[in-house]
N, C-alpha and C. Protein backbone atom coordinates (compact mmCIF):
# COMPACT_ATOMS: atom_id res chain seq x y z
N UNK A 1 -44.12 2.78 34.02
CA UNK A 1 -44.30 3.61 33.25
C UNK A 1 -44.61 4.72 34.07
N UNK A 2 -43.92 6.07 33.75
CA UNK A 2 -44.26 7.38 34.67
C UNK A 2 -45.66 7.82 34.37
N UNK A 3 -46.30 7.81 33.26
CA UNK A 3 -47.80 8.27 33.07
C UNK A 3 -48.75 7.25 33.96
N UNK A 4 -48.46 5.77 33.82
CA UNK A 4 -49.39 5.29 34.81
C UNK A 4 -49.16 5.67 36.22
N UNK A 5 -47.94 5.93 36.71
CA UNK A 5 -47.74 6.29 37.93
C UNK A 5 -48.52 7.40 38.35
N UNK A 6 -48.39 8.66 37.41
CA UNK A 6 -48.91 9.99 37.75
C UNK A 6 -50.41 9.80 37.85
N UNK A 7 -50.96 8.84 37.03
CA UNK A 7 -52.46 8.87 37.23
C UNK A 7 -52.84 7.90 38.30
N UNK A 8 -52.03 6.84 38.60
CA UNK A 8 -52.22 6.10 39.61
C UNK A 8 -52.10 6.84 41.02
N UNK A 9 -51.38 7.81 41.01
CA UNK A 9 -51.27 8.68 42.26
C UNK A 9 -52.56 9.35 42.36
N UNK A 10 -53.21 9.89 41.31
CA UNK A 10 -54.26 10.60 41.57
C UNK A 10 -55.44 9.78 41.77
N UNK A 11 -55.46 8.50 41.48
CA UNK A 11 -56.62 7.66 41.76
C UNK A 11 -56.46 7.23 43.19
N UNK A 12 -55.28 7.17 43.75
CA UNK A 12 -54.94 6.73 45.04
C UNK A 12 -55.24 7.86 46.00
N UNK A 13 -54.91 8.99 45.58
CA UNK A 13 -55.35 10.21 46.44
C UNK A 13 -56.83 10.30 46.68
N UNK A 14 -57.52 10.05 45.65
CA UNK A 14 -59.06 10.11 45.70
C UNK A 14 -59.71 8.90 46.45
N UNK A 15 -58.92 7.80 46.32
CA UNK A 15 -59.60 6.61 47.08
C UNK A 15 -59.25 6.87 48.55
N UNK A 16 -58.14 7.33 48.79
CA UNK A 16 -57.97 7.77 50.29
C UNK A 16 -58.69 8.96 50.93
N UNK A 17 -59.67 9.58 50.03
CA UNK A 17 -60.42 10.71 50.61
C UNK A 17 -59.70 12.03 50.36
N UNK A 18 -58.44 12.24 49.97
CA UNK A 18 -57.68 13.33 49.62
C UNK A 18 -58.35 14.11 48.20
N UNK A 19 -58.73 15.02 48.64
CA UNK A 19 -59.49 15.84 47.42
C UNK A 19 -58.27 16.44 46.62
N UNK A 20 -57.95 16.30 45.45
CA UNK A 20 -56.99 16.88 44.42
C UNK A 20 -57.47 18.39 44.36
N UNK A 21 -56.66 19.22 44.29
CA UNK A 21 -56.84 20.62 43.91
C UNK A 21 -56.21 21.01 42.54
N UNK A 22 -56.30 22.37 42.19
CA UNK A 22 -56.06 23.02 41.06
C UNK A 22 -54.38 22.53 40.81
N UNK A 23 -53.54 22.70 41.73
CA UNK A 23 -52.21 22.55 41.79
C UNK A 23 -51.83 21.00 41.43
N UNK A 24 -52.53 20.11 42.20
CA UNK A 24 -52.35 18.55 41.70
C UNK A 24 -52.72 18.39 40.30
N UNK A 25 -53.84 18.83 39.96
CA UNK A 25 -54.28 18.67 38.46
C UNK A 25 -53.17 19.29 37.50
N UNK A 26 -52.73 20.45 37.85
CA UNK A 26 -51.87 21.15 37.00
C UNK A 26 -50.51 20.43 36.94
N UNK A 27 -49.95 19.88 37.95
CA UNK A 27 -48.89 19.23 38.12
C UNK A 27 -48.81 17.93 36.95
N UNK A 28 -50.19 17.26 36.90
CA UNK A 28 -50.30 16.06 36.11
C UNK A 28 -50.34 16.52 34.80
N UNK A 29 -51.06 17.65 34.39
CA UNK A 29 -51.09 18.25 33.04
C UNK A 29 -49.74 18.41 32.61
N UNK A 30 -48.96 19.16 33.28
CA UNK A 30 -47.52 19.48 33.00
C UNK A 30 -46.69 18.10 32.73
N UNK A 31 -46.86 17.25 33.63
CA UNK A 31 -46.06 16.05 33.45
C UNK A 31 -46.54 15.19 32.19
N UNK A 32 -47.91 15.22 31.94
CA UNK A 32 -48.33 14.54 30.64
C UNK A 32 -47.78 15.44 29.33
N UNK A 33 -47.80 16.58 29.50
CA UNK A 33 -47.24 17.21 28.30
C UNK A 33 -45.70 17.03 28.25
N UNK A 34 -45.01 16.76 29.17
CA UNK A 34 -43.47 16.48 29.05
C UNK A 34 -43.53 15.02 28.46
N UNK A 35 -44.37 14.27 28.45
CA UNK A 35 -44.30 12.93 28.09
C UNK A 35 -45.00 12.60 26.81
N UNK A 36 -45.21 13.79 26.08
CA UNK A 36 -45.96 13.96 24.74
C UNK A 36 -47.31 13.36 24.95
N UNK A 37 -48.03 13.65 25.92
CA UNK A 37 -49.52 13.06 26.06
C UNK A 37 -50.40 14.34 25.92
N UNK A 38 -50.46 14.86 24.90
CA UNK A 38 -51.47 16.14 25.02
C UNK A 38 -53.03 15.81 25.17
N UNK A 39 -53.55 14.77 24.33
CA UNK A 39 -54.67 14.37 24.64
C UNK A 39 -55.11 13.99 25.95
N UNK A 40 -54.19 13.23 26.69
CA UNK A 40 -54.51 12.95 28.09
C UNK A 40 -54.47 14.03 28.88
N UNK A 41 -53.60 15.31 28.54
CA UNK A 41 -53.67 16.43 29.40
C UNK A 41 -54.81 17.22 29.35
N UNK A 42 -55.25 17.28 27.86
CA UNK A 42 -56.59 17.78 27.80
C UNK A 42 -57.71 17.01 28.64
N UNK A 43 -57.89 15.68 28.58
CA UNK A 43 -58.59 15.09 29.14
C UNK A 43 -58.69 15.30 30.91
N UNK A 44 -57.53 15.57 31.34
CA UNK A 44 -57.46 15.84 32.60
C UNK A 44 -58.21 17.32 32.97
N UNK A 45 -58.09 18.20 32.16
CA UNK A 45 -58.85 19.36 32.21
C UNK A 45 -60.33 18.96 32.37
N UNK A 46 -60.71 18.23 31.54
CA UNK A 46 -62.22 17.84 31.74
C UNK A 46 -62.58 17.06 33.12
N UNK A 47 -61.61 16.22 33.50
CA UNK A 47 -61.78 15.68 34.68
C UNK A 47 -61.89 16.54 35.79
N UNK A 48 -61.21 17.48 35.69
CA UNK A 48 -61.05 18.66 36.71
C UNK A 48 -62.55 19.23 37.15
N UNK A 49 -63.14 19.45 36.02
CA UNK A 49 -64.44 20.17 36.05
C UNK A 49 -65.34 18.86 36.52
N UNK A 50 -65.31 17.91 36.36
CA UNK A 50 -66.21 16.55 37.01
C UNK A 50 -66.07 16.64 38.40
N UNK A 51 -64.64 16.90 38.84
CA UNK A 51 -64.35 16.94 40.43
C UNK A 51 -64.61 18.07 41.04
N UNK A 52 -65.19 19.23 40.14
CA UNK A 52 -65.66 20.46 40.79
C UNK A 52 -64.41 21.41 40.84
N UNK A 53 -63.39 21.19 40.33
CA UNK A 53 -62.21 22.06 40.46
C UNK A 53 -62.04 22.64 39.12
N UNK A 54 -62.09 24.07 39.04
CA UNK A 54 -61.93 24.79 38.16
C UNK A 54 -60.48 24.97 37.40
N UNK A 55 -60.33 24.70 36.11
CA UNK A 55 -59.13 24.80 35.60
C UNK A 55 -58.67 26.34 35.67
N UNK A 56 -57.33 26.66 35.72
CA UNK A 56 -56.96 27.94 35.79
C UNK A 56 -55.92 28.23 34.49
N UNK A 57 -55.44 29.49 34.48
CA UNK A 57 -54.69 29.79 33.29
C UNK A 57 -53.37 28.72 33.14
N UNK A 58 -52.95 28.40 34.26
CA UNK A 58 -51.62 27.43 34.13
C UNK A 58 -52.23 26.15 33.59
N UNK A 59 -53.45 25.58 34.09
CA UNK A 59 -54.04 24.25 33.37
C UNK A 59 -53.94 24.41 31.83
N UNK A 60 -54.50 25.36 31.40
CA UNK A 60 -54.69 25.61 30.05
C UNK A 60 -53.47 25.83 29.26
N UNK A 61 -52.61 26.43 29.77
CA UNK A 61 -51.20 26.78 29.23
C UNK A 61 -50.44 25.48 29.34
N UNK A 62 -50.50 24.71 30.18
CA UNK A 62 -49.69 23.35 30.19
C UNK A 62 -50.23 22.56 29.06
N UNK A 63 -51.66 22.47 28.97
CA UNK A 63 -52.21 21.74 27.84
C UNK A 63 -51.91 22.20 26.49
N UNK A 64 -51.85 23.61 26.46
CA UNK A 64 -51.79 23.92 25.18
C UNK A 64 -50.18 23.97 24.78
N UNK A 65 -49.27 23.87 25.68
CA UNK A 65 -47.75 23.79 25.40
C UNK A 65 -47.72 22.29 25.02
N UNK A 66 -48.41 21.35 25.58
CA UNK A 66 -48.32 20.02 25.30
C UNK A 66 -48.81 19.78 23.87
N UNK A 67 -49.65 20.56 23.42
CA UNK A 67 -50.13 20.22 22.02
C UNK A 67 -49.09 20.98 21.17
N UNK A 68 -48.68 22.08 21.57
CA UNK A 68 -47.58 22.69 20.42
C UNK A 68 -46.24 21.94 20.46
N UNK A 69 -46.04 21.19 21.53
CA UNK A 69 -44.77 20.39 21.48
C UNK A 69 -44.76 18.98 20.84
N UNK A 70 -46.20 18.61 20.72
CA UNK A 70 -46.23 17.23 20.17
C UNK A 70 -46.03 17.16 18.85
N UNK A 71 -45.90 15.87 18.23
CA UNK A 71 -45.56 15.65 16.94
C UNK A 71 -46.73 15.57 15.99
N UNK A 72 -48.12 16.02 16.55
CA UNK A 72 -49.16 15.79 15.87
C UNK A 72 -49.40 16.96 14.65
N UNK A 73 -49.90 16.48 13.63
CA UNK A 73 -50.14 17.48 12.64
C UNK A 73 -51.06 18.61 12.75
N UNK A 74 -51.80 18.13 13.84
CA UNK A 74 -52.99 18.99 14.19
C UNK A 74 -52.97 19.72 15.67
N UNK A 75 -51.49 19.77 16.02
CA UNK A 75 -51.27 20.26 17.33
C UNK A 75 -51.55 21.76 17.30
N UNK A 76 -51.37 22.44 16.40
CA UNK A 76 -51.46 23.91 16.44
C UNK A 76 -52.90 24.15 16.48
N UNK A 77 -53.81 23.38 15.76
CA UNK A 77 -55.19 23.64 15.44
C UNK A 77 -55.78 23.30 17.13
N UNK A 78 -55.21 22.19 17.66
CA UNK A 78 -55.90 21.68 18.93
C UNK A 78 -55.36 22.96 19.92
N UNK A 79 -54.24 23.43 19.97
CA UNK A 79 -53.89 24.36 20.84
C UNK A 79 -54.75 25.57 20.76
N UNK A 80 -54.91 26.13 19.71
CA UNK A 80 -55.84 27.28 19.22
C UNK A 80 -57.43 26.84 20.05
N UNK A 81 -57.87 25.79 19.84
CA UNK A 81 -59.27 25.23 20.21
C UNK A 81 -59.13 25.40 21.80
N UNK A 82 -57.95 24.94 22.44
CA UNK A 82 -57.98 25.11 23.98
C UNK A 82 -57.70 26.64 24.33
N UNK A 83 -57.16 27.37 23.41
CA UNK A 83 -57.06 28.85 23.81
C UNK A 83 -58.31 29.62 23.72
N UNK A 84 -59.22 28.87 22.88
CA UNK A 84 -60.55 29.39 22.64
C UNK A 84 -61.35 29.04 24.01
N UNK A 85 -61.23 27.74 24.31
CA UNK A 85 -62.00 27.45 25.63
C UNK A 85 -61.52 28.31 26.87
N UNK A 86 -60.15 28.40 26.89
CA UNK A 86 -59.70 29.19 28.09
C UNK A 86 -60.31 30.75 28.00
N UNK A 87 -60.60 31.21 27.13
CA UNK A 87 -60.93 32.69 26.78
C UNK A 87 -62.51 32.65 27.32
N UNK A 88 -63.07 31.73 27.40
CA UNK A 88 -64.56 31.64 27.64
C UNK A 88 -64.93 31.73 29.07
């Protein structure tokens, strides 16, 4: 499954001592959005912070887009919440 592969590559990078950067995380967030996984995309933003990598505007835009494309009834509300986080 593509999602497992994306997340597995991230784990493999870290296990080999390769520090993921903003672009690495953004690619994963974008990919998760394409596979209708907005909650996981948002979780990756939190993980970025744990690894000391600051999310940028692309990180948030990709996660917001994931929520707006989702079939979730609360997608718009979740996207707005992320927008508020981004503005802080």
